[in-house]
Amino acid sequence: DIMQEGEDGKPVLPLFFVLEEANIAVKEATEADGGSADDFEVVSLSLPRAVELLAGVTEGPAFQFIPPQSSIKHIQDYLS
């Protein structure tokens, strides 16, 4: 399941910075839960639009920012 539930019970949607990583997550989620990745659409948002949604949202899903794998790797390499 790609969508998680927050502590308050509201849905939390992942917000990826890299389209390919979002597509991989959808594929992995559908393989784990059954179904087809073709049944889902990855929607692109600009960062300003995402901030606008976060700033104005009182109801609806929250977002979990998913950093690019390259950034995670860079930090891990730096800390090693």
C-alpha atoms as a PDB file:
ATOM      1  CA  ASP A   1       0.000   0.000   0.000  1.00  0.00           C
ATOM      2  CA  ILE A   2       1.694   3.187  -1.172  1.00  0.00           C
ATOM      3  CA  MET A   3      -0.558   5.455   0.888  1.00  0.00           C
ATOM      4  CA  GLN A   4       0.039   5.356   4.628  1.00  0.00           C
ATOM      5  CA  GLU A   5      -2.123   6.552   7.478  1.00  0.00           C
ATOM      6  CA  GLY A   6      -0.943   9.339   9.750  1.00  0.00           C
ATOM      7  CA  GLU A   7      -1.195   9.353  13.526  1.00  0.00           C
ATOM      8  CA  ASP A   8      -4.431  11.309  13.209  1.00  0.00           C
ATOM      9  CA  GLY A   9      -5.894   8.690  10.854  1.00  0.00           C
ATOM     10  CA  LYS A  10      -5.685  10.915   7.768  1.00  0.00           C
ATOM     11  CA  PRO A  11      -4.126   9.516   4.601  1.00  0.00           C
ATOM     12  CA  VAL A  12      -0.487  10.417   3.955  1.00  0.00           C
ATOM     13  CA  LEU A  13       0.592  10.370   0.319  1.00  0.00           C
ATOM     14  CA  PRO A  14       4.239  10.067  -0.692  1.00  0.00           C
ATOM     15  CA  LEU A  15       5.597  13.023  -2.631  1.00  0.00           C
ATOM     16  CA  PHE A  16       8.570  11.920  -4.711  1.00  0.00           C
ATOM     17  CA  PHE A  17      11.118  14.289  -6.215  1.00  0.00           C
ATOM     18  CA  VAL A  18      12.084  11.827  -8.976  1.00  0.00           C
ATOM     19  CA  LEU A  19       9.407  10.537 -11.378  1.00  0.00           C
ATOM     20  CA  GLU A  20      11.167   7.228 -12.028  1.00  0.00           C
ATOM     21  CA  GLU A  21      11.330   6.519  -8.288  1.00  0.00           C
ATOM     22  CA  ALA A  22       7.595   7.224  -8.003  1.00  0.00           C
ATOM     23  CA  ASN A  23       6.883   4.795 -10.851  1.00  0.00           C
ATOM     24  CA  ILE A  24       9.059   2.142  -9.175  1.00  0.00           C
ATOM     25  CA  ALA A  25       7.161   2.617  -5.886  1.00  0.00           C
ATOM     26  CA  VAL A  26       3.820   2.187  -7.648  1.00  0.00           C
ATOM     27  CA  LYS A  27       5.077  -0.959  -9.359  1.00  0.00           C
ATOM     28  CA  GLU A  28       6.377  -2.404  -6.079  1.00  0.00           C
ATOM     29  CA  ALA A  29       3.149  -1.555  -4.240  1.00  0.00           C
ATOM     30  CA  THR A  30       0.933  -3.145  -6.876  1.00  0.00           C
ATOM     31  CA  GLU A  31       3.120  -6.240  -7.006  1.00  0.00           C
ATOM     32  CA  ALA A  32       2.871  -6.579  -3.212  1.00  0.00           C
ATOM     33  CA  ASP A  33      -0.871  -5.873  -3.003  1.00  0.00           C
ATOM     34  CA  GLY A  34      -1.956  -7.362  -6.307  1.00  0.00           C
ATOM     35  CA  GLY A  35      -3.206  -5.469  -9.299  1.00  0.00           C
ATOM     36  CA  SER A  36      -1.460  -3.679 -12.078  1.00  0.00           C
ATOM     37  CA  ALA A  37       0.655  -0.523 -12.061  1.00  0.00           C
ATOM     38  CA  ASP A  38      -1.128   0.400 -15.300  1.00  0.00           C
ATOM     39  CA  ASP A  39      -4.301   0.998 -13.259  1.00  0.00           C
ATOM     40  CA  PHE A  40      -2.633   3.905 -11.429  1.00  0.00           C
ATOM     41  CA  GLU A  41      -1.419   7.280 -12.567  1.00  0.00           C
ATOM     42  CA  VAL A  42       1.537   9.141 -11.107  1.00  0.00           C
ATOM     43  CA  VAL A  43       0.622  12.811 -10.975  1.00  0.00           C
ATOM     44  CA  SER A  44       3.384  15.399 -11.287  1.00  0.00           C
ATOM     45  CA  LEU A  45       3.303  18.490  -9.093  1.00  0.00           C
ATOM     46  CA  SER A  46       5.645  21.414  -9.113  1.00  0.00           C
ATOM     47  CA  LEU A  47       7.197  22.219  -5.751  1.00  0.00           C
ATOM     48  CA  PRO A  48       5.319  25.547  -5.564  1.00  0.00           C
ATOM     49  CA  ARG A  49       2.032  23.699  -6.192  1.00  0.00           C
ATOM     50  CA  ALA A  50       2.846  21.116  -3.503  1.00  0.00           C
ATOM     51  CA  VAL A  51       3.610  23.898  -1.012  1.00  0.00           C
ATOM     52  CA  GLU A  52       0.395  25.648  -2.008  1.00  0.00           C
ATOM     53  CA  LEU A  53      -1.568  22.457  -1.353  1.00  0.00           C
ATOM     54  CA  LEU A  54       0.138  21.926   1.996  1.00  0.00           C
ATOM     55  CA  ALA A  55      -0.411  25.522   3.086  1.00  0.00           C
ATOM     56  CA  GLY A  56      -4.086  25.532   2.200  1.00  0.00           C
ATOM     57  CA  VAL A  57      -5.106  22.036   3.187  1.00  0.00           C
ATOM     58  CA  THR A  58      -7.282  21.664   6.249  1.00  0.00           C
ATOM     59  CA  GLU A  59      -8.829  18.418   5.091  1.00  0.00           C
ATOM     60  CA  GLY A  60      -7.582  15.747   2.783  1.00  0.00           C
ATOM     61  CA  PRO A  61      -4.317  13.885   2.608  1.00  0.00           C
ATOM     62  CA  ALA A  62      -1.009  14.992   4.023  1.00  0.00           C
ATOM     63  CA  PHE A  63       2.248  14.470   2.155  1.00  0.00           C
ATOM     64  CA  GLN A  64       5.390  12.584   3.084  1.00  0.00           C
ATOM     65  CA  PHE A  65       8.366  13.930   1.160  1.00  0.00           C
ATOM     66  CA  ILE A  66      10.480  11.106  -0.282  1.00  0.00           C
ATOM     67  CA  PRO A  67      14.026  12.281  -1.014  1.00  0.00           C
ATOM     68  CA  PRO A  68      15.797  11.101  -4.164  1.00  0.00           C
ATOM     69  CA  GLN A  69      17.824   7.921  -3.736  1.00  0.00           C
ATOM     70  CA  SER A  70      20.866   9.767  -5.075  1.00  0.00           C
ATOM     71  CA  SER A  71      20.588  12.253  -2.186  1.00  0.00           C
ATOM     72  CA  ILE A  72      20.288   9.459   0.366  1.00  0.00           C
ATOM     73  CA  LYS A  73      23.321   7.725  -1.130  1.00  0.00           C
ATOM     74  CA  HIS A  74      25.324  10.967  -1.086  1.00  0.00           C
ATOM     75  CA  ILE A  75      24.548  11.509   2.603  1.00  0.00           C
ATOM     76  CA  GLN A  76      25.367   7.894   3.464  1.00  0.00           C
ATOM     77  CA  ASP A  77      28.680   8.114   1.599  1.00  0.00           C
ATOM     78  CA  TYR A  78      29.510  11.374   3.327  1.00  0.00           C
ATOM     79  CA  LEU A  79      28.771   9.924   6.773  1.00  0.00           C
ATOM     80  CA  SER A  80      30.787   6.736   6.178  1.00  0.00           C
END
